[in-house]
Amino acid sequence: QVQPVESGGGLVQAGGSLRLSCAASGRTFTNYAMAWFRQAPGKEREFVACISGSTLTTYYSDSVKGRFTISRDNAKNTVYLQMNSLKPEDTAVYYCAARLSSGGDVYFQAPHYNYWGQGTQVTVSS
């Protein structure tokens, strides 16, 4: 079992960058696939990016592909989301999620994930 805790959110101007971090407590971090989701006011939670446990396979939503990069440091039990060329429409609460999966499979739907963080606010001003 892991407990994700997000950090790194904030206010940034359009075109700027932010790096989110998600520290996951618990052992055997490599046994968990990790993902980032986001939810803007009045909208449903949407998938952003995910990374598998050990093979580091990644997958991105079309809206962030080429601008965001997900990575993980298994020695630090941490997953990152580097966000570049930010747009006002990226404004949302960003959530980190975890799912027990030690292989190379990736999952991009929220119901696939069992463990969620509390979220961190990202605001992009125009």
N, C-alpha and C. Protein backbone atom coordinates (compact mmCIF):
# COMPACT_ATOMS: atom_id res chain seq x y z
N GLN A 1 0.84 -1.18 0.00
CA GLN A 1 0.00 0.00 0.00
C GLN A 1 0.88 1.24 0.00
N VAL A 2 0.50 2.25 -0.77
CA VAL A 2 1.23 3.50 -0.83
C VAL A 2 0.29 4.66 -0.57
N GLN A 3 0.83 5.77 -0.11
CA GLN A 3 0.07 6.99 0.09
C GLN A 3 0.76 8.10 -0.67
N PRO A 4 0.20 8.54 -1.80
CA PRO A 4 0.83 9.62 -2.57
C PRO A 4 0.62 10.98 -1.91
N VAL A 5 1.64 11.82 -1.97
CA VAL A 5 1.56 13.19 -1.48
C VAL A 5 2.18 14.11 -2.52
N GLU A 6 1.35 15.00 -3.08
CA GLU A 6 1.81 15.89 -4.14
C GLU A 6 2.40 17.18 -3.57
N SER A 7 3.29 17.79 -4.35
CA SER A 7 3.85 19.10 -4.02
C SER A 7 4.31 19.75 -5.32
N GLY A 8 4.57 21.06 -5.24
CA GLY A 8 5.14 21.76 -6.37
C GLY A 8 4.18 22.63 -7.17
N GLY A 9 2.91 22.62 -6.80
CA GLY A 9 1.97 23.47 -7.50
C GLY A 9 2.20 24.94 -7.21
N GLY A 10 1.50 25.79 -7.95
CA GLY A 10 1.63 27.22 -7.73
C GLY A 10 1.05 28.02 -8.87
N LEU A 11 1.40 29.30 -8.89
CA LEU A 11 0.93 30.24 -9.90
C LEU A 11 2.07 30.53 -10.86
N VAL A 12 1.79 30.43 -12.15
CA VAL A 12 2.81 30.67 -13.17
C VAL A 12 2.16 31.35 -14.35
N GLN A 13 2.93 32.15 -15.07
CA GLN A 13 2.42 32.81 -16.26
C GLN A 13 2.40 31.83 -17.44
N ALA A 14 1.53 32.12 -18.38
CA ALA A 14 1.47 31.31 -19.59
C ALA A 14 2.84 31.26 -20.26
N GLY A 15 3.20 30.07 -20.71
CA GLY A 15 4.51 29.87 -21.31
C GLY A 15 5.57 29.42 -20.32
N GLY A 16 5.25 29.50 -19.05
CA GLY A 16 6.21 29.11 -18.02
C GLY A 16 6.21 27.63 -17.74
N SER A 17 6.97 27.24 -16.70
CA SER A 17 7.15 25.84 -16.36
C SER A 17 6.96 25.62 -14.87
N LEU A 18 6.56 24.42 -14.54
CA LEU A 18 6.47 23.96 -13.15
C LEU A 18 6.83 22.48 -13.13
N ARG A 19 7.35 22.04 -12.00
CA ARG A 19 7.59 20.62 -11.81
C ARG A 19 6.83 20.15 -10.57
N LEU A 20 5.94 19.22 -10.76
CA LEU A 20 5.22 18.62 -9.66
C LEU A 20 5.95 17.37 -9.20
N SER A 21 5.87 17.13 -7.90
CA SER A 21 6.44 15.92 -7.32
C SER A 21 5.36 15.16 -6.58
N CYS A 22 5.54 13.86 -6.53
CA CYS A 22 4.61 13.01 -5.79
C CYS A 22 5.45 11.98 -5.03
N ALA A 23 5.50 12.14 -3.74
CA ALA A 23 6.21 11.20 -2.89
C ALA A 23 5.24 10.14 -2.39
N ALA A 24 5.61 8.90 -2.56
CA ALA A 24 4.72 7.81 -2.18
C ALA A 24 5.34 7.01 -1.05
N SER A 25 4.69 7.03 0.09
CA SER A 25 5.18 6.27 1.22
C SER A 25 4.90 4.80 1.01
N GLY A 26 5.62 3.95 1.71
CA GLY A 26 5.42 2.52 1.56
C GLY A 26 6.58 1.87 0.85
N ARG A 27 6.61 0.57 0.90
CA ARG A 27 7.70 -0.18 0.30
C ARG A 27 7.35 -0.61 -1.11
N THR A 28 8.31 -1.16 -1.80
CA THR A 28 8.13 -1.73 -3.14
C THR A 28 7.46 -0.76 -4.09
N PHE A 29 8.02 0.43 -4.17
CA PHE A 29 7.47 1.47 -5.05
C PHE A 29 7.48 1.02 -6.49
N THR A 30 8.46 0.20 -6.88
CA THR A 30 8.53 -0.26 -8.26
C THR A 30 7.37 -1.17 -8.63
N ASN A 31 6.62 -1.63 -7.67
CA ASN A 31 5.46 -2.48 -7.94
C ASN A 31 4.21 -1.68 -8.27
N TYR A 32 4.36 -0.36 -8.36
CA TYR A 32 3.20 0.50 -8.59
C TYR A 32 3.35 1.30 -9.87
N ALA A 33 2.31 1.24 -10.70
CA ALA A 33 2.19 2.17 -11.80
C ALA A 33 1.66 3.48 -11.22
N MET A 34 2.17 4.60 -11.76
CA MET A 34 1.81 5.91 -11.23
C MET A 34 1.23 6.77 -12.34
N ALA A 35 0.41 7.72 -11.95
CA ALA A 35 -0.21 8.59 -12.95
C ALA A 35 -0.51 9.96 -12.36
N TRP A 36 -0.68 10.90 -13.25
CA TRP A 36 -1.18 12.23 -12.90
C TRP A 36 -2.51 12.44 -13.60
N PHE A 37 -3.46 12.96 -12.83
CA PHE A 37 -4.75 13.39 -13.34
C PHE A 37 -4.93 14.85 -12.95
N ARG A 38 -5.90 15.51 -13.54
CA ARG A 38 -6.20 16.88 -13.15
C ARG A 38 -7.70 17.13 -13.24
N GLN A 39 -8.13 18.10 -12.46
CA GLN A 39 -9.55 18.46 -12.46
C GLN A 39 -9.69 19.97 -12.36
N ALA A 40 -10.27 20.55 -13.39
CA ALA A 40 -10.54 21.98 -13.41
C ALA A 40 -11.93 22.23 -12.82
N PRO A 41 -12.18 23.45 -12.34
CA PRO A 41 -13.50 23.75 -11.76
C PRO A 41 -14.62 23.46 -12.73
N GLY A 42 -15.63 22.72 -12.27
CA GLY A 42 -16.78 22.43 -13.10
C GLY A 42 -16.57 21.36 -14.14
N LYS A 43 -15.40 20.73 -14.12
CA LYS A 43 -15.10 19.71 -15.12
C LYS A 43 -14.79 18.39 -14.43
N GLU A 44 -14.87 17.33 -15.22
CA GLU A 44 -14.54 16.01 -14.70
C GLU A 44 -13.02 15.84 -14.60
N ARG A 45 -12.62 14.92 -13.74
CA ARG A 45 -11.20 14.61 -13.63
C ARG A 45 -10.73 13.98 -14.94
N GLU A 46 -9.57 14.43 -15.42
CA GLU A 46 -9.07 13.92 -16.67
C GLU A 46 -7.64 13.40 -16.53
N PHE A 47 -7.33 12.42 -17.34
CA PHE A 47 -6.01 11.82 -17.37
C PHE A 47 -5.00 12.79 -17.97
N VAL A 48 -3.78 12.80 -17.39
CA VAL A 48 -2.71 13.63 -17.90
C VAL A 48 -1.56 12.77 -18.42
N ALA A 49 -1.02 11.92 -17.55
CA ALA A 49 0.14 11.11 -17.93
C ALA A 49 0.28 9.95 -16.95
N CYS A 50 0.94 8.88 -17.41
CA CYS A 50 1.18 7.74 -16.53
C CYS A 50 2.51 7.10 -16.87
N ILE A 51 3.01 6.32 -15.91
CA ILE A 51 4.30 5.64 -16.08
C ILE A 51 4.22 4.30 -15.38
N SER A 52 4.75 3.29 -16.02
CA SER A 52 4.69 1.95 -15.44
C SER A 52 5.71 1.80 -14.32
N GLY A 53 5.60 0.66 -13.60
CA GLY A 53 6.41 0.49 -12.41
C GLY A 53 7.89 0.29 -12.66
N SER A 54 8.21 -0.71 -13.46
CA SER A 54 9.62 -1.06 -13.61
C SER A 54 10.19 -0.79 -15.00
N THR A 55 9.36 -0.85 -16.02
CA THR A 55 9.87 -0.65 -17.39
C THR A 55 9.88 0.81 -17.81
N LEU A 56 9.25 1.67 -16.99
CA LEU A 56 9.20 3.12 -17.24
C LEU A 56 8.50 3.47 -18.55
N THR A 57 7.57 2.64 -18.95
CA THR A 57 6.74 2.97 -20.10
C THR A 57 5.85 4.15 -19.74
N THR A 58 5.72 5.10 -20.66
CA THR A 58 4.91 6.29 -20.39
C THR A 58 3.80 6.44 -21.43
N TYR A 59 2.79 7.21 -21.04
CA TYR A 59 1.66 7.49 -21.93
C TYR A 59 1.11 8.85 -21.54
N TYR A 60 0.72 9.64 -22.55
CA TYR A 60 0.25 11.00 -22.31
C TYR A 60 -1.08 11.26 -22.99
N SER A 61 -1.83 12.19 -22.41
CA SER A 61 -3.02 12.66 -23.09
C SER A 61 -2.59 13.55 -24.26
N ASP A 62 -3.42 13.65 -25.25
CA ASP A 62 -3.08 14.47 -26.41
C ASP A 62 -2.91 15.93 -26.04
N SER A 63 -3.61 16.38 -25.01
CA SER A 63 -3.58 17.79 -24.64
C SER A 63 -2.25 18.22 -24.03
N VAL A 64 -1.46 17.28 -23.54
CA VAL A 64 -0.19 17.64 -22.91
C VAL A 64 1.01 17.03 -23.61
N LYS A 65 0.79 16.17 -24.56
CA LYS A 65 1.89 15.50 -25.26
C LYS A 65 2.82 16.52 -25.90
N GLY A 66 4.12 16.35 -25.65
CA GLY A 66 5.11 17.28 -26.18
C GLY A 66 5.40 18.44 -25.26
N ARG A 67 4.57 18.66 -24.25
CA ARG A 67 4.80 19.75 -23.29
C ARG A 67 5.11 19.23 -21.89
N PHE A 68 4.50 18.13 -21.50
CA PHE A 68 4.68 17.56 -20.17
C PHE A 68 5.52 16.28 -20.27
N THR A 69 6.28 16.03 -19.20
CA THR A 69 7.07 14.81 -19.13
C THR A 69 6.90 14.17 -17.75
N ILE A 70 6.50 12.92 -17.73
CA ILE A 70 6.39 12.18 -16.48
C ILE A 70 7.64 11.33 -16.32
N SER A 71 8.13 11.26 -15.09
CA SER A 71 9.30 10.44 -14.80
C SER A 71 9.20 9.95 -13.36
N ARG A 72 10.06 9.02 -13.01
CA ARG A 72 10.05 8.53 -11.64
C ARG A 72 11.45 8.18 -11.21
N ASP A 73 11.68 8.35 -9.91
CA ASP A 73 12.93 7.96 -9.28
C ASP A 73 12.57 6.91 -8.24
N ASN A 74 12.76 5.66 -8.60
CA ASN A 74 12.32 4.58 -7.71
C ASN A 74 13.14 4.53 -6.42
N ALA A 75 14.36 5.03 -6.45
CA ALA A 75 15.16 5.07 -5.23
C ALA A 75 14.61 6.06 -4.22
N LYS A 76 13.91 7.08 -4.72
CA LYS A 76 13.34 8.10 -3.84
C LYS A 76 11.83 7.95 -3.67
N ASN A 77 11.26 6.90 -4.25
CA ASN A 77 9.81 6.70 -4.16
C ASN A 77 9.04 7.94 -4.63
N THR A 78 9.49 8.52 -5.71
CA THR A 78 8.91 9.77 -6.16
C THR A 78 8.66 9.75 -7.67
N VAL A 79 7.54 10.31 -8.05
CA VAL A 79 7.23 10.50 -9.47
C VAL A 79 7.10 11.99 -9.71
N TYR A 80 7.50 12.43 -10.90
CA TYR A 80 7.52 13.84 -11.24
C TYR A 80 6.66 14.11 -12.48
N LEU A 81 6.21 15.35 -12.57
CA LEU A 81 5.56 15.82 -13.78
C LEU A 81 6.17 17.17 -14.13
N GLN A 82 7.02 17.17 -15.14
CA GLN A 82 7.61 18.41 -15.64
C GLN A 82 6.65 19.01 -16.64
N MET A 83 6.22 20.23 -16.37
CA MET A 83 5.23 20.89 -17.22
C MET A 83 5.85 22.13 -17.84
N ASN A 84 5.97 22.13 -19.14
CA ASN A 84 6.54 23.25 -19.88
C ASN A 84 5.48 23.87 -20.79
N SER A 85 5.76 25.07 -21.26
CA SER A 85 4.85 25.78 -22.18
C SER A 85 3.42 25.76 -21.64
N LEU A 86 3.28 26.10 -20.39
CA LEU A 86 1.96 26.03 -19.75
C LEU A 86 0.98 27.01 -20.36
N LYS A 87 -0.27 26.58 -20.39
CA LYS A 87 -1.36 27.37 -20.95
C LYS A 87 -2.41 27.61 -19.87
N PRO A 88 -3.21 28.65 -20.00
CA PRO A 88 -4.27 28.89 -19.01
C PRO A 88 -5.20 27.68 -18.86
N GLU A 89 -5.41 26.94 -19.92
CA GLU A 89 -6.29 25.77 -19.83
C GLU A 89 -5.68 24.61 -19.07
N ASP A 90 -4.41 24.73 -18.68
CA ASP A 90 -3.80 23.72 -17.81
C ASP A 90 -4.13 23.96 -16.34
N THR A 91 -4.78 25.08 -16.05
CA THR A 91 -5.17 25.39 -14.67
C THR A 91 -6.10 24.32 -14.14
N ALA A 92 -5.73 23.74 -13.00
CA ALA A 92 -6.51 22.65 -12.40
C ALA A 92 -5.84 22.22 -11.10
N VAL A 93 -6.54 21.38 -10.36
CA VAL A 93 -5.92 20.65 -9.27
C VAL A 93 -5.35 19.37 -9.86
N TYR A 94 -4.08 19.15 -9.60
CA TYR A 94 -3.38 17.98 -10.14
C TYR A 94 -3.27 16.91 -9.05
N TYR A 95 -3.67 15.69 -9.42
CA TYR A 95 -3.67 14.58 -8.49
C TYR A 95 -2.68 13.51 -8.94
N CYS A 96 -2.02 12.93 -7.97
CA CYS A 96 -1.15 11.79 -8.20
C CYS A 96 -1.90 10.53 -7.79
N ALA A 97 -1.75 9.48 -8.58
CA ALA A 97 -2.46 8.23 -8.29
C ALA A 97 -1.53 7.05 -8.48
N ALA A 98 -1.83 5.97 -7.75
CA ALA A 98 -1.00 4.77 -7.80
C ALA A 98 -1.87 3.53 -7.95
N ARG A 99 -1.29 2.54 -8.64
CA ARG A 99 -1.98 1.26 -8.84
C ARG A 99 -0.94 0.16 -8.75
N LEU A 100 -1.26 -0.90 -8.03
CA LEU A 100 -0.35 -2.03 -7.92
C LEU A 100 -0.22 -2.70 -9.28
N SER A 101 0.97 -2.64 -9.85
CA SER A 101 1.24 -3.22 -11.17
C SER A 101 2.74 -3.19 -11.39
N SER A 102 3.38 -4.33 -11.33
CA SER A 102 4.84 -4.35 -11.39
C SER A 102 5.40 -4.49 -12.80
N GLY A 103 4.55 -4.67 -13.78
CA GLY A 103 5.04 -4.89 -15.13
C GLY A 103 5.13 -3.60 -15.93
N GLY A 104 5.01 -3.74 -17.23
CA GLY A 104 5.15 -2.60 -18.12
C GLY A 104 3.83 -2.02 -18.60
N ASP A 105 2.73 -2.48 -18.01
CA ASP A 105 1.43 -1.98 -18.42
C ASP A 105 1.22 -0.55 -17.93
N VAL A 106 0.51 0.24 -18.74
CA VAL A 106 0.13 1.59 -18.34
C VAL A 106 -1.39 1.68 -18.32
N TYR A 107 -1.90 2.54 -17.47
CA TYR A 107 -3.34 2.68 -17.27
C TYR A 107 -3.69 4.15 -17.30
N PHE A 108 -4.70 4.51 -18.08
CA PHE A 108 -5.01 5.92 -18.20
C PHE A 108 -6.45 6.25 -17.83
N GLN A 109 -7.07 5.39 -17.07
CA GLN A 109 -8.42 5.68 -16.59
C GLN A 109 -8.42 5.71 -15.07
N ALA A 110 -9.10 6.70 -14.51
CA ALA A 110 -9.10 6.90 -13.07
C ALA A 110 -9.54 5.67 -12.26
N PRO A 111 -10.56 4.94 -12.69
CA PRO A 111 -10.99 3.77 -11.90
C PRO A 111 -9.91 2.69 -11.76
N HIS A 112 -8.88 2.74 -12.60
CA HIS A 112 -7.80 1.75 -12.51
C HIS A 112 -6.89 1.99 -11.31
N TYR A 113 -6.97 3.16 -10.71
CA TYR A 113 -6.06 3.54 -9.65
C TYR A 113 -6.73 3.45 -8.28
N ASN A 114 -5.99 2.89 -7.34
CA ASN A 114 -6.54 2.62 -6.01
C ASN A 114 -6.16 3.67 -4.98
N TYR A 115 -5.04 4.35 -5.19
CA TYR A 115 -4.52 5.26 -4.18
C TYR A 115 -4.35 6.65 -4.79
N TRP A 116 -4.83 7.63 -4.07
CA TRP A 116 -4.84 9.00 -4.57
C TRP A 116 -4.29 9.97 -3.54
N GLY A 117 -3.59 10.99 -4.04
CA GLY A 117 -3.17 12.07 -3.17
C GLY A 117 -4.27 13.11 -3.02
N GLN A 118 -3.97 14.15 -2.23
CA GLN A 118 -4.95 15.19 -1.96
C GLN A 118 -4.99 16.26 -3.05
N GLY A 119 -3.99 16.29 -3.89
CA GLY A 119 -3.99 17.24 -4.99
C GLY A 119 -3.16 18.48 -4.69
N THR A 120 -2.68 19.12 -5.76
CA THR A 120 -1.96 20.37 -5.66
C THR A 120 -2.46 21.31 -6.76
N GLN A 121 -2.68 22.57 -6.40
CA GLN A 121 -3.27 23.52 -7.33
C GLN A 121 -2.21 24.08 -8.28
N VAL A 122 -2.53 24.08 -9.55
CA VAL A 122 -1.71 24.73 -10.57
C VAL A 122 -2.57 25.78 -11.25
N THR A 123 -2.11 27.02 -11.23
CA THR A 123 -2.83 28.11 -11.85
C THR A 123 -1.92 28.79 -12.87
N VAL A 124 -2.40 28.88 -14.10
CA VAL A 124 -1.64 29.49 -15.18
C VAL A 124 -2.36 30.76 -15.61
N SER A 125 -1.71 31.89 -15.43
CA SER A 125 -2.32 33.17 -15.78
C SER A 125 -1.97 33.55 -17.22
N SER A 126 -2.89 34.25 -17.85
CA SER A 126 -2.68 34.64 -19.25
C SER A 126 -1.99 35.99 -19.35
